[in-house]
N, C-alpha and C. Protein backbone atom coordinates (compact mmCIF):
# COMPACT_ATOMS: atom_id res chain seq x y z
N MET A 1 -71.31 87.69 -106.98
CA MET A 1 -70.55 86.59 -107.56
C MET A 1 -71.40 85.33 -107.65
N VAL A 2 -72.21 85.10 -106.63
CA VAL A 2 -73.07 83.91 -106.61
C VAL A 2 -74.06 83.95 -107.78
N LEU A 3 -74.55 85.15 -108.09
CA LEU A 3 -75.50 85.30 -109.20
C LEU A 3 -74.86 84.88 -110.52
N TYR A 4 -73.60 85.22 -110.73
CA TYR A 4 -72.90 84.84 -111.96
C TYR A 4 -72.74 83.32 -112.05
N ILE A 5 -72.42 82.72 -110.93
CA ILE A 5 -72.27 81.26 -110.91
C ILE A 5 -73.60 80.58 -111.24
N ILE A 6 -74.69 81.12 -110.70
CA ILE A 6 -76.02 80.56 -110.99
C ILE A 6 -76.35 80.70 -112.47
N VAL A 7 -76.10 81.86 -113.04
CA VAL A 7 -76.41 82.10 -114.46
C VAL A 7 -75.57 81.19 -115.35
N ILE A 8 -74.28 81.08 -115.07
CA ILE A 8 -73.40 80.23 -115.88
C ILE A 8 -73.81 78.77 -115.74
N THR A 9 -74.15 78.34 -114.54
CA THR A 9 -74.59 76.96 -114.32
C THR A 9 -75.87 76.67 -115.10
N LEU A 10 -76.81 77.59 -115.06
CA LEU A 10 -78.07 77.41 -115.81
C LEU A 10 -77.81 77.33 -117.31
N ALA A 11 -76.90 78.15 -117.81
CA ALA A 11 -76.57 78.11 -119.24
C ALA A 11 -75.94 76.76 -119.61
N LEU A 12 -75.04 76.27 -118.77
CA LEU A 12 -74.42 74.97 -119.05
C LEU A 12 -75.44 73.84 -118.99
N VAL A 13 -76.32 73.87 -117.99
CA VAL A 13 -77.36 72.85 -117.89
C VAL A 13 -78.28 72.91 -119.10
N GLY A 14 -78.62 74.12 -119.53
CA GLY A 14 -79.47 74.29 -120.71
C GLY A 14 -78.81 73.75 -121.96
N GLY A 15 -77.52 74.00 -122.12
CA GLY A 15 -76.79 73.50 -123.29
C GLY A 15 -76.72 71.98 -123.31
N VAL A 16 -76.39 71.40 -122.17
CA VAL A 16 -76.32 69.93 -122.09
C VAL A 16 -77.69 69.31 -122.30
N SER A 17 -78.71 69.91 -121.70
CA SER A 17 -80.08 69.39 -121.86
C SER A 17 -80.53 69.45 -123.32
N THR A 18 -80.19 70.53 -124.00
CA THR A 18 -80.54 70.67 -125.40
C THR A 18 -79.90 69.56 -126.23
N MET A 19 -78.63 69.28 -125.97
CA MET A 19 -77.94 68.21 -126.69
C MET A 19 -78.56 66.84 -126.40
N LEU A 20 -78.93 66.61 -125.14
CA LEU A 20 -79.54 65.33 -124.78
C LEU A 20 -80.90 65.15 -125.47
N VAL A 21 -81.68 66.20 -125.54
CA VAL A 21 -82.98 66.11 -126.22
C VAL A 21 -82.77 65.87 -127.71
N GLY A 22 -81.80 66.54 -128.29
CA GLY A 22 -81.53 66.37 -129.72
C GLY A 22 -81.11 64.96 -130.09
N HIS A 23 -80.47 64.27 -129.16
CA HIS A 23 -79.98 62.92 -129.44
C HIS A 23 -80.84 61.83 -128.81
N SER A 24 -82.02 62.18 -128.28
CA SER A 24 -82.87 61.20 -127.62
C SER A 24 -83.58 60.32 -128.64
N GLN A 25 -83.96 59.14 -128.21
CA GLN A 25 -84.68 58.19 -129.07
C GLN A 25 -86.06 58.75 -129.45
N GLU A 26 -86.71 59.44 -128.53
CA GLU A 26 -88.03 60.00 -128.82
C GLU A 26 -87.94 61.04 -129.94
N ASN A 27 -86.89 61.82 -129.94
CA ASN A 27 -86.72 62.82 -130.99
C ASN A 27 -86.46 62.15 -132.34
N LYS A 28 -85.71 61.06 -132.32
CA LYS A 28 -85.42 60.34 -133.58
C LYS A 28 -86.71 59.77 -134.17
N LYS A 29 -87.62 59.30 -133.31
CA LYS A 29 -88.89 58.76 -133.79
C LYS A 29 -89.82 59.86 -134.28
N ALA A 30 -89.90 60.95 -133.53
CA ALA A 30 -90.82 62.04 -133.86
C ALA A 30 -90.34 62.87 -135.04
N ASN A 31 -89.04 62.98 -135.21
CA ASN A 31 -88.48 63.83 -136.26
C ASN A 31 -87.31 63.10 -136.93
N PRO A 32 -87.59 62.14 -137.80
CA PRO A 32 -86.51 61.36 -138.39
C PRO A 32 -85.55 62.17 -139.26
N GLY A 33 -85.97 63.29 -139.78
CA GLY A 33 -85.10 64.12 -140.60
C GLY A 33 -84.03 64.84 -139.80
N TYR A 34 -84.18 64.88 -138.48
CA TYR A 34 -83.22 65.57 -137.63
C TYR A 34 -81.83 64.97 -137.76
N GLU A 35 -81.75 63.67 -137.86
CA GLU A 35 -80.45 62.99 -137.95
C GLU A 35 -79.71 63.34 -139.24
N ARG A 36 -80.43 63.62 -140.30
CA ARG A 36 -79.77 63.98 -141.57
C ARG A 36 -79.16 65.37 -141.51
N ARG A 37 -79.66 66.20 -140.61
CA ARG A 37 -79.17 67.58 -140.51
C ARG A 37 -78.44 67.81 -139.19
N THR A 38 -77.86 66.78 -138.63
CA THR A 38 -77.24 66.89 -137.31
C THR A 38 -76.17 67.96 -137.26
N LYS A 39 -75.26 67.96 -138.23
CA LYS A 39 -74.16 68.93 -138.20
C LYS A 39 -74.68 70.37 -138.26
N ALA A 40 -75.64 70.62 -139.13
CA ALA A 40 -76.21 71.96 -139.24
C ALA A 40 -76.93 72.36 -137.95
N ASN A 41 -77.68 71.42 -137.38
CA ASN A 41 -78.42 71.71 -136.14
C ASN A 41 -77.46 71.99 -134.99
N ILE A 42 -76.43 71.17 -134.85
CA ILE A 42 -75.46 71.36 -133.77
C ILE A 42 -74.72 72.68 -133.96
N THR A 43 -74.38 73.01 -135.19
CA THR A 43 -73.69 74.28 -135.46
C THR A 43 -74.55 75.47 -135.05
N LYS A 44 -75.83 75.42 -135.39
CA LYS A 44 -76.75 76.50 -135.02
C LYS A 44 -76.86 76.63 -133.50
N LEU A 45 -76.99 75.50 -132.82
CA LEU A 45 -77.11 75.53 -131.36
C LEU A 45 -75.84 76.08 -130.72
N ILE A 46 -74.69 75.66 -131.21
CA ILE A 46 -73.43 76.15 -130.65
C ILE A 46 -73.31 77.65 -130.87
N LEU A 47 -73.68 78.13 -132.06
CA LEU A 47 -73.62 79.57 -132.32
C LEU A 47 -74.54 80.35 -131.38
N ILE A 48 -75.72 79.83 -131.14
CA ILE A 48 -76.65 80.49 -130.22
C ILE A 48 -76.04 80.59 -128.83
N TYR A 49 -75.45 79.49 -128.36
CA TYR A 49 -74.86 79.50 -127.02
C TYR A 49 -73.61 80.39 -126.97
N VAL A 50 -72.81 80.41 -128.01
CA VAL A 50 -71.62 81.27 -128.02
C VAL A 50 -72.03 82.74 -128.02
N PHE A 51 -73.00 83.11 -128.86
CA PHE A 51 -73.46 84.49 -128.89
C PHE A 51 -74.07 84.90 -127.54
N SER A 52 -74.81 83.99 -126.93
CA SER A 52 -75.39 84.28 -125.62
C SER A 52 -74.31 84.48 -124.57
N LEU A 53 -73.28 83.64 -124.60
CA LEU A 53 -72.19 83.77 -123.65
C LEU A 53 -71.44 85.09 -123.85
N VAL A 54 -71.17 85.44 -125.09
CA VAL A 54 -70.49 86.71 -125.37
C VAL A 54 -71.35 87.88 -124.90
N ALA A 55 -72.64 87.83 -125.17
CA ALA A 55 -73.54 88.91 -124.73
C ALA A 55 -73.54 89.01 -123.20
N PHE A 56 -73.55 87.86 -122.53
CA PHE A 56 -73.53 87.87 -121.07
C PHE A 56 -72.24 88.51 -120.55
N ILE A 57 -71.12 88.16 -121.15
CA ILE A 57 -69.84 88.72 -120.72
C ILE A 57 -69.79 90.22 -120.96
N VAL A 58 -70.27 90.67 -122.12
CA VAL A 58 -70.28 92.10 -122.43
C VAL A 58 -71.16 92.86 -121.43
N ILE A 59 -72.35 92.34 -121.18
CA ILE A 59 -73.26 92.99 -120.23
C ILE A 59 -72.64 92.99 -118.84
N TRP A 60 -72.00 91.90 -118.47
CA TRP A 60 -71.35 91.80 -117.18
C TRP A 60 -70.25 92.85 -117.04
N MET A 61 -69.46 93.04 -118.08
CA MET A 61 -68.36 94.01 -118.04
C MET A 61 -68.90 95.45 -118.00
N ILE A 62 -70.01 95.71 -118.68
CA ILE A 62 -70.58 97.06 -118.70
C ILE A 62 -71.11 97.44 -117.32
N PHE A 63 -71.84 96.54 -116.69
CA PHE A 63 -72.50 96.84 -115.42
C PHE A 63 -71.69 96.48 -114.19
N LYS A 64 -70.48 96.00 -114.38
CA LYS A 64 -69.65 95.64 -113.22
C LYS A 64 -69.11 96.83 -112.54
């Protein structure tokens, strides 16, 4: 059970960290076009995290 909590916590930290990097001032300076594609970028990131979460749950159910 502790392993699942660690994995879920790491996924949440990774998701929040990704969002923080995407909205950082350094990213805006280095990649000014990022702001024009914010909705598309956020949608892609959310899809990646949702698919990863679903895959984790499926694998968890198979090997439980």
